[in-house]
N, C-alpha and C. Protein backbone atom coordinates (compact mmCIF):
# COMPACT_ATOMS: atom_id res chain seq x y z
N UNK A 1 -72.52 18.72 -108.41
CA UNK A 1 -72.27 19.95 -109.15
C UNK A 1 -73.47 20.88 -108.94
N UNK A 2 -73.19 22.12 -108.83
CA UNK A 2 -74.16 23.18 -108.62
C UNK A 2 -75.16 23.18 -109.79
N UNK A 3 -76.47 23.15 -109.48
CA UNK A 3 -77.52 22.98 -110.49
C UNK A 3 -77.46 24.02 -111.60
N UNK A 4 -77.20 25.28 -111.26
CA UNK A 4 -77.15 26.32 -112.29
C UNK A 4 -76.03 26.06 -113.29
N UNK A 5 -74.94 25.47 -112.84
CA UNK A 5 -73.83 25.16 -113.75
C UNK A 5 -74.27 24.09 -114.74
N UNK A 6 -75.00 23.08 -114.27
CA UNK A 6 -75.50 22.03 -115.15
C UNK A 6 -76.43 22.63 -116.19
N UNK A 7 -77.32 23.51 -115.77
CA UNK A 7 -78.25 24.17 -116.69
C UNK A 7 -77.47 25.00 -117.71
N UNK A 8 -76.45 25.72 -117.25
CA UNK A 8 -75.60 26.53 -118.12
C UNK A 8 -74.92 25.65 -119.17
N UNK A 9 -74.37 24.54 -118.73
CA UNK A 9 -73.68 23.61 -119.63
C UNK A 9 -74.65 23.09 -120.69
N UNK A 10 -75.85 22.72 -120.26
CA UNK A 10 -76.85 22.20 -121.20
C UNK A 10 -77.35 23.30 -122.15
N UNK A 11 -77.60 24.49 -121.60
CA UNK A 11 -78.14 25.59 -122.40
C UNK A 11 -77.19 26.03 -123.51
N UNK A 12 -75.89 26.03 -123.21
CA UNK A 12 -74.91 26.50 -124.19
C UNK A 12 -74.19 25.36 -124.90
N UNK A 13 -74.70 24.13 -124.71
CA UNK A 13 -74.17 22.95 -125.39
C UNK A 13 -72.66 22.79 -125.19
N UNK A 14 -72.21 23.03 -123.97
CA UNK A 14 -70.79 22.93 -123.67
C UNK A 14 -70.39 21.48 -123.45
N UNK A 15 -69.16 21.19 -123.78
CA UNK A 15 -68.59 19.86 -123.59
C UNK A 15 -67.71 19.86 -122.35
N UNK A 16 -67.12 18.73 -122.05
CA UNK A 16 -66.18 18.63 -120.95
C UNK A 16 -65.03 19.59 -121.20
N UNK A 17 -64.54 20.24 -120.16
CA UNK A 17 -63.47 21.24 -120.31
C UNK A 17 -62.23 20.66 -120.98
N UNK A 18 -62.00 19.38 -120.82
CA UNK A 18 -60.82 18.75 -121.43
C UNK A 18 -60.88 18.77 -122.96
N UNK A 19 -62.07 18.98 -123.52
CA UNK A 19 -62.22 19.05 -124.98
C UNK A 19 -61.84 20.42 -125.54
N UNK A 20 -61.58 21.39 -124.66
CA UNK A 20 -61.22 22.73 -125.10
C UNK A 20 -59.74 22.94 -124.79
N UNK A 21 -58.90 22.60 -125.75
CA UNK A 21 -57.45 22.62 -125.54
C UNK A 21 -56.96 23.98 -125.04
N UNK A 22 -57.48 25.06 -125.61
CA UNK A 22 -57.00 26.39 -125.21
C UNK A 22 -57.32 26.71 -123.76
N UNK A 23 -58.31 26.04 -123.19
CA UNK A 23 -58.64 26.27 -121.78
C UNK A 23 -57.82 25.40 -120.85
N UNK A 24 -57.45 24.21 -121.29
CA UNK A 24 -56.78 23.26 -120.41
C UNK A 24 -55.28 23.26 -120.59
N UNK A 25 -54.80 23.90 -121.63
CA UNK A 25 -53.36 23.87 -121.92
C UNK A 25 -52.53 24.33 -120.73
N UNK A 26 -52.94 25.39 -120.08
CA UNK A 26 -52.18 25.89 -118.95
C UNK A 26 -52.92 25.75 -117.64
N UNK A 27 -53.90 24.85 -117.60
CA UNK A 27 -54.73 24.70 -116.40
C UNK A 27 -53.91 24.23 -115.21
N UNK A 28 -53.90 25.04 -114.17
CA UNK A 28 -53.22 24.68 -112.93
C UNK A 28 -54.22 24.86 -111.80
N UNK A 29 -54.69 23.74 -111.24
CA UNK A 29 -55.65 23.86 -110.14
C UNK A 29 -55.04 24.62 -108.96
N UNK A 30 -55.86 25.42 -108.31
CA UNK A 30 -55.41 26.19 -107.16
C UNK A 30 -56.01 25.57 -105.91
N UNK A 31 -55.14 25.15 -105.01
CA UNK A 31 -55.61 24.53 -103.77
C UNK A 31 -56.51 25.49 -103.01
N UNK A 32 -57.63 24.98 -102.55
CA UNK A 32 -58.56 25.78 -101.76
C UNK A 32 -59.53 26.60 -102.58
N UNK A 33 -59.45 26.56 -103.89
CA UNK A 33 -60.37 27.29 -104.75
C UNK A 33 -61.44 26.35 -105.28
N UNK A 34 -62.68 26.75 -105.17
CA UNK A 34 -63.80 25.96 -105.67
C UNK A 34 -64.44 26.75 -106.82
N UNK A 35 -64.14 26.36 -108.05
CA UNK A 35 -64.63 27.09 -109.21
C UNK A 35 -66.15 27.20 -109.24
N UNK A 36 -66.85 26.14 -108.84
CA UNK A 36 -68.31 26.17 -108.82
C UNK A 36 -68.82 27.23 -107.86
N UNK A 37 -68.21 27.31 -106.68
CA UNK A 37 -68.62 28.30 -105.69
C UNK A 37 -68.30 29.71 -106.17
N UNK A 38 -67.14 29.90 -106.78
CA UNK A 38 -66.77 31.21 -107.30
C UNK A 38 -67.73 31.64 -108.41
N UNK A 39 -68.14 30.70 -109.25
CA UNK A 39 -69.09 31.03 -110.32
C UNK A 39 -70.44 31.40 -109.73
N UNK A 40 -70.87 30.67 -108.71
CA UNK A 40 -72.14 30.98 -108.04
C UNK A 40 -72.08 32.39 -107.47
N UNK A 41 -70.95 32.75 -106.87
CA UNK A 41 -70.78 34.09 -106.31
C UNK A 41 -70.80 35.16 -107.41
N UNK A 42 -70.21 34.83 -108.55
CA UNK A 42 -70.23 35.76 -109.68
C UNK A 42 -71.66 36.03 -110.14
N UNK A 43 -72.44 34.96 -110.29
CA UNK A 43 -73.84 35.12 -110.71
C UNK A 43 -74.63 35.92 -109.67
N UNK A 44 -74.38 35.65 -108.40
CA UNK A 44 -75.06 36.38 -107.34
C UNK A 44 -74.70 37.87 -107.40
N UNK A 45 -73.43 38.17 -107.63
CA UNK A 45 -72.99 39.56 -107.73
C UNK A 45 -73.66 40.25 -108.92
N UNK A 46 -73.77 39.55 -110.05
CA UNK A 46 -74.42 40.14 -111.22
C UNK A 46 -75.90 40.39 -110.94
N UNK A 47 -76.55 39.48 -110.19
CA UNK A 47 -77.94 39.70 -109.78
C UNK A 47 -78.06 40.97 -108.94
N UNK A 48 -77.18 41.11 -107.96
CA UNK A 48 -77.19 42.27 -107.07
C UNK A 48 -76.98 43.55 -107.85
N UNK A 49 -76.13 43.49 -108.86
CA UNK A 49 -75.83 44.68 -109.67
C UNK A 49 -76.91 44.96 -110.71
N UNK A 50 -77.91 44.08 -110.79
CA UNK A 50 -79.03 44.33 -111.68
C UNK A 50 -78.86 43.81 -113.09
N UNK A 51 -77.89 42.92 -113.32
CA UNK A 51 -77.74 42.31 -114.64
C UNK A 51 -78.97 41.44 -114.93
N UNK A 52 -79.50 41.55 -116.13
CA UNK A 52 -80.61 40.68 -116.52
C UNK A 52 -80.07 39.29 -116.83
N UNK A 53 -80.97 38.33 -116.93
CA UNK A 53 -80.57 36.95 -117.29
C UNK A 53 -79.90 36.96 -118.66
N UNK A 54 -80.43 37.74 -119.59
CA UNK A 54 -79.86 37.81 -120.93
C UNK A 54 -78.43 38.38 -120.90
N UNK A 55 -78.21 39.39 -120.06
CA UNK A 55 -76.87 39.96 -119.93
C UNK A 55 -75.90 38.95 -119.31
N UNK A 56 -76.38 38.24 -118.29
CA UNK A 56 -75.55 37.21 -117.67
C UNK A 56 -75.21 36.11 -118.66
N UNK A 57 -76.21 35.69 -119.43
CA UNK A 57 -75.99 34.63 -120.43
C UNK A 57 -75.04 35.09 -121.54
N UNK A 58 -74.98 36.39 -121.79
CA UNK A 58 -74.12 36.92 -122.83
C UNK A 58 -72.68 37.08 -122.41
N UNK A 59 -72.38 36.98 -121.13
CA UNK A 59 -71.01 37.15 -120.65
C UNK A 59 -70.02 36.19 -121.31
N UNK A 60 -70.35 34.91 -121.47
CA UNK A 60 -69.39 34.01 -122.12
C UNK A 60 -69.03 34.44 -123.54
N UNK A 61 -69.94 35.12 -124.23
CA UNK A 61 -69.63 35.59 -125.58
C UNK A 61 -68.46 36.57 -125.55
N UNK A 62 -68.34 37.33 -124.47
CA UNK A 62 -67.23 38.28 -124.33
C UNK A 62 -65.92 37.55 -124.08
N UNK A 63 -65.99 36.37 -123.49
CA UNK A 63 -64.79 35.66 -123.09
C UNK A 63 -64.31 34.64 -124.10
N UNK A 64 -65.23 34.07 -124.86
CA UNK A 64 -64.83 32.96 -125.74
C UNK A 64 -64.67 33.45 -127.14
């Protein structure tokens, strides 16, 4: 697993995704999609756009 994802999970005290029913209820894996790689690309894009670490860390608050 991508190191930044592990740090993110630990920093925000997240559990296994299976423990979040609302996230897994309609979960359908997409062949050829690597969620870890897509997340890494998202973080890289936010870096390029000048998002601070605090702004990046605050993104999940908008989603959850």
